[in-house]
């Protein structure tokens, strides 16, 4: 059974595209993958333990009770000839080695950001830049979070003018889809479309 009401089969001629969904702890990656996936997404969320609370910074996130311990996985047929395989990675620094391994074969990444802690998304951006992967930054809407003009967001995150930036709500499918559409458009605009080694 699919998460969005239907199960879809991948067309034979479709091109498979691996996309990473990155960002800091508790930025909405699991929600995002669940919202856009056309199949029942695979989640590896576990209840947080006292030991984990000693390692992970929960300042301002006291209501967070679960965490991704491996990855989230979903699939989305974007067009008849493009099928996206979505890999949502954990955001804690202790998982950086695993996230680096996930870049193998990926064609791009979507970095989720929270305006209350924009600096927490820098690690994900750095990782994608080191892997030479195109990416889009998606500012996720949180209730009560401050809103800023695009120019201020770009300046705060030191984004290259060519880096796509979108505002979205990971809980709403049409809004969440805008991030992937923007990212795939940027990937297709590249002169040479080659996966990371």
Protein backbone atom coordinates (compact mmCIF):
# COMPACT_ATOMS: atom_id res chain seq x y z
CA UNK A 1 0.00 0.00 0.00
CA UNK A 2 1.39 3.40 -0.95
CA UNK A 3 1.62 6.33 1.43
CA UNK A 4 -0.36 8.60 -0.87
CA UNK A 5 -3.21 6.32 -1.82
CA UNK A 6 -1.85 4.35 -4.77
CA UNK A 7 0.95 1.97 -5.58
CA UNK A 8 2.80 2.73 -8.78
CA UNK A 9 4.98 0.61 -10.93
CA UNK A 10 8.18 1.98 -12.40
CA UNK A 11 7.99 2.35 -16.21
CA UNK A 12 10.51 0.13 -18.03
CA UNK A 13 12.12 3.08 -19.82
CA UNK A 14 12.38 5.27 -16.73
CA UNK A 15 15.72 6.66 -15.64
CA UNK A 16 16.45 5.98 -11.97
CA UNK A 17 17.79 8.99 -10.08
CA UNK A 18 19.18 8.77 -6.55
CA UNK A 19 18.43 11.89 -4.51
CA UNK A 20 19.63 12.63 -0.98
CA UNK A 21 17.42 14.44 1.54
CA UNK A 22 19.79 16.05 4.01
CA UNK A 23 19.73 18.51 6.87
CA UNK A 24 20.17 18.74 10.61
CA UNK A 25 18.52 16.66 13.29
CA UNK A 26 14.74 17.36 13.59
CA UNK A 27 14.45 19.50 10.44
CA UNK A 28 11.68 17.35 8.90
CA UNK A 29 13.48 14.87 6.62
CA UNK A 30 11.40 11.85 7.70
CA UNK A 31 8.20 13.87 7.30
CA UNK A 32 9.37 15.08 3.89
CA UNK A 33 10.11 11.61 2.50
CA UNK A 34 6.78 10.32 3.85
CA UNK A 35 4.88 13.21 2.27
CA UNK A 36 6.25 12.90 -1.27
CA UNK A 37 6.80 9.13 -1.59
CA UNK A 38 4.34 7.24 -3.78
CA UNK A 39 5.12 3.99 -1.95
CA UNK A 40 5.00 3.28 1.74
CA UNK A 41 8.30 4.83 2.85
CA UNK A 42 10.84 2.88 4.83
CA UNK A 43 11.71 4.59 8.09
CA UNK A 44 14.34 3.68 10.67
CA UNK A 45 13.10 5.88 13.48
CA UNK A 46 13.66 4.76 17.04
CA UNK A 47 12.74 6.28 20.37
CA UNK A 48 15.47 8.47 21.75
CA UNK A 49 17.29 7.11 24.78
CA UNK A 50 18.99 8.90 27.64
CA UNK A 51 22.33 7.94 26.11
CA UNK A 52 21.38 9.60 22.82
CA UNK A 53 20.20 12.72 24.62
CA UNK A 54 23.69 13.08 26.08
CA UNK A 55 25.21 13.05 22.57
CA UNK A 56 22.64 14.95 20.48
CA UNK A 57 21.97 18.65 20.98
CA UNK A 58 18.28 18.92 21.88
CA UNK A 59 18.30 22.62 22.75
CA UNK A 60 14.99 24.00 21.48
CA UNK A 61 13.91 20.48 20.40
CA UNK A 62 12.76 19.13 23.75
CA UNK A 63 9.55 17.73 22.20
CA UNK A 64 11.57 15.45 19.89
CA UNK A 65 11.14 11.83 21.03
CA UNK A 66 12.34 9.79 18.02
CA UNK A 67 15.32 9.92 15.71
CA UNK A 68 16.39 8.35 12.41
CA UNK A 69 19.15 5.83 13.07
CA UNK A 70 19.92 4.72 9.52
CA UNK A 71 17.88 6.38 6.77
CA UNK A 72 14.44 6.96 5.30
CA UNK A 73 13.70 5.65 1.82
CA UNK A 74 10.96 6.54 -0.64
CA UNK A 75 10.22 6.59 -4.36
CA UNK A 76 8.59 9.16 -6.61
CA UNK A 77 7.80 8.92 -10.32
CA UNK A 78 8.38 12.53 -11.35
CA UNK A 79 7.72 11.95 -15.06
CA UNK A 80 7.27 8.96 -17.35
CA UNK A 81 11.02 8.81 -17.85
CA UNK A 82 12.29 9.94 -14.40
CA UNK A 83 11.91 7.99 -11.16
CA UNK A 84 13.45 9.44 -8.03
CA UNK A 85 14.76 7.23 -5.24
CA UNK A 86 14.86 9.31 -2.09
CA UNK A 87 17.36 8.66 0.69
CA UNK A 88 16.70 10.67 3.83
CA UNK A 89 19.86 10.68 5.95
CA UNK A 90 20.18 11.19 9.71
CA UNK A 91 21.30 14.67 10.66
CA UNK A 92 23.45 14.09 13.74
CA UNK A 93 27.20 14.66 13.28
CA UNK A 94 27.95 11.13 14.55
CA UNK A 95 26.39 9.72 11.35
CA UNK A 96 28.52 11.83 8.96
CA UNK A 97 30.54 8.84 7.69
CA UNK A 98 27.37 6.98 6.75
CA UNK A 99 25.94 10.06 5.03
CA UNK A 100 29.16 10.48 3.04
CA UNK A 101 28.79 6.86 1.88
CA UNK A 102 25.23 7.63 0.70
CA UNK A 103 26.57 10.19 -1.78
CA UNK A 104 27.89 7.35 -3.97
CA UNK A 105 25.71 7.18 -7.08
CA UNK A 106 23.60 10.20 -6.10
CA UNK A 107 22.85 12.88 -8.66
CA UNK A 108 21.89 15.62 -6.20
CA UNK A 109 20.65 16.60 -2.79
CA UNK A 110 17.86 18.55 -1.16
CA UNK A 111 19.01 20.30 2.02
CA UNK A 112 16.22 21.09 4.46
CA UNK A 113 16.73 24.12 6.70
CA UNK A 114 14.94 25.67 9.68
CA UNK A 115 15.03 29.47 10.06
CA UNK A 116 15.46 29.09 13.84
CA UNK A 117 18.84 27.40 13.29
CA UNK A 118 20.05 27.97 9.73
CA UNK A 119 23.67 27.32 10.71
CA UNK A 120 22.79 23.71 11.47
CA UNK A 121 22.33 23.06 7.73
CA UNK A 122 25.90 24.08 6.85
CA UNK A 123 27.31 20.57 7.36
CA UNK A 124 24.90 19.09 4.80
CA UNK A 125 25.73 21.84 2.31
CA UNK A 126 29.46 21.30 2.82
CA UNK A 127 29.09 17.55 2.32
CA UNK A 128 27.28 18.00 -1.01
CA UNK A 129 29.80 20.60 -2.20
CA UNK A 130 32.70 18.28 -1.31
CA UNK A 131 30.99 15.53 -3.31
CA UNK A 132 30.50 18.00 -6.23
CA UNK A 133 26.75 17.30 -6.26
CA UNK A 134 24.16 19.89 -7.27
CA UNK A 135 21.76 20.79 -4.49
CA UNK A 136 18.76 22.89 -3.61
CA UNK A 137 18.19 24.44 -0.20
CA UNK A 138 14.60 24.10 1.02
CA UNK A 139 13.54 26.18 4.02
CA UNK A 140 10.93 24.10 5.82
CA UNK A 141 8.00 25.96 7.39
CA UNK A 142 7.60 25.38 11.11
CA UNK A 143 4.74 26.85 13.11
CA UNK A 144 5.98 29.94 14.90
CA UNK A 145 9.35 30.01 13.12
CA UNK A 146 10.52 33.45 11.91
CA UNK A 147 10.20 34.26 8.22
CA UNK A 148 12.83 36.17 6.25
CA UNK A 149 13.12 37.53 2.70
CA UNK A 150 15.01 35.33 0.25
CA UNK A 151 17.92 37.80 0.06
CA UNK A 152 18.45 37.61 3.84
CA UNK A 153 18.27 33.81 3.81
CA UNK A 154 20.84 33.64 1.02
CA UNK A 155 23.17 36.00 2.84
CA UNK A 156 22.81 34.15 6.15
CA UNK A 157 23.63 30.84 4.49
CA UNK A 158 26.32 32.28 2.16
CA UNK A 159 24.56 30.68 -0.82
CA UNK A 160 25.97 31.05 -4.30
CA UNK A 161 23.48 33.05 -6.44
CA UNK A 162 23.15 29.97 -8.71
CA UNK A 163 22.08 27.70 -5.83
CA UNK A 164 18.31 27.22 -5.91
CA UNK A 165 16.44 28.21 -2.74
CA UNK A 166 12.79 27.33 -2.11
CA UNK A 167 10.37 27.78 0.77
CA UNK A 168 8.14 24.78 1.46
CA UNK A 169 6.09 22.91 4.01
CA UNK A 170 7.26 19.28 4.32
CA UNK A 171 3.79 18.28 5.60
CA UNK A 172 1.97 19.34 2.42
CA UNK A 173 2.58 17.33 -0.73
CA UNK A 174 2.23 20.06 -3.36
CA UNK A 175 4.48 22.36 -1.37
CA UNK A 176 7.04 19.64 -0.63
CA UNK A 177 7.18 18.63 -4.31
CA UNK A 178 8.44 22.09 -5.26
CA UNK A 179 11.80 21.27 -3.69
CA UNK A 180 12.32 18.13 -5.79
CA UNK A 181 11.10 19.75 -8.98
CA UNK A 182 13.54 22.63 -8.48
CA UNK A 183 16.40 20.22 -7.71
CA UNK A 184 15.75 17.95 -10.70
CA UNK A 185 15.51 20.99 -12.99
CA UNK A 186 18.95 22.09 -11.72
CA UNK A 187 20.37 18.59 -12.26
CA UNK A 188 19.01 18.37 -15.82
CA UNK A 189 20.46 21.81 -16.61
CA UNK A 190 23.99 20.60 -15.89
CA UNK A 191 26.07 20.02 -19.04
CA UNK A 192 27.25 16.56 -17.96
CA UNK A 193 24.92 14.40 -15.91
CA UNK A 194 27.18 11.92 -14.12
CA UNK A 195 26.64 10.27 -10.73
CA UNK A 196 29.15 10.83 -7.94
CA UNK A 197 31.90 8.14 -7.81
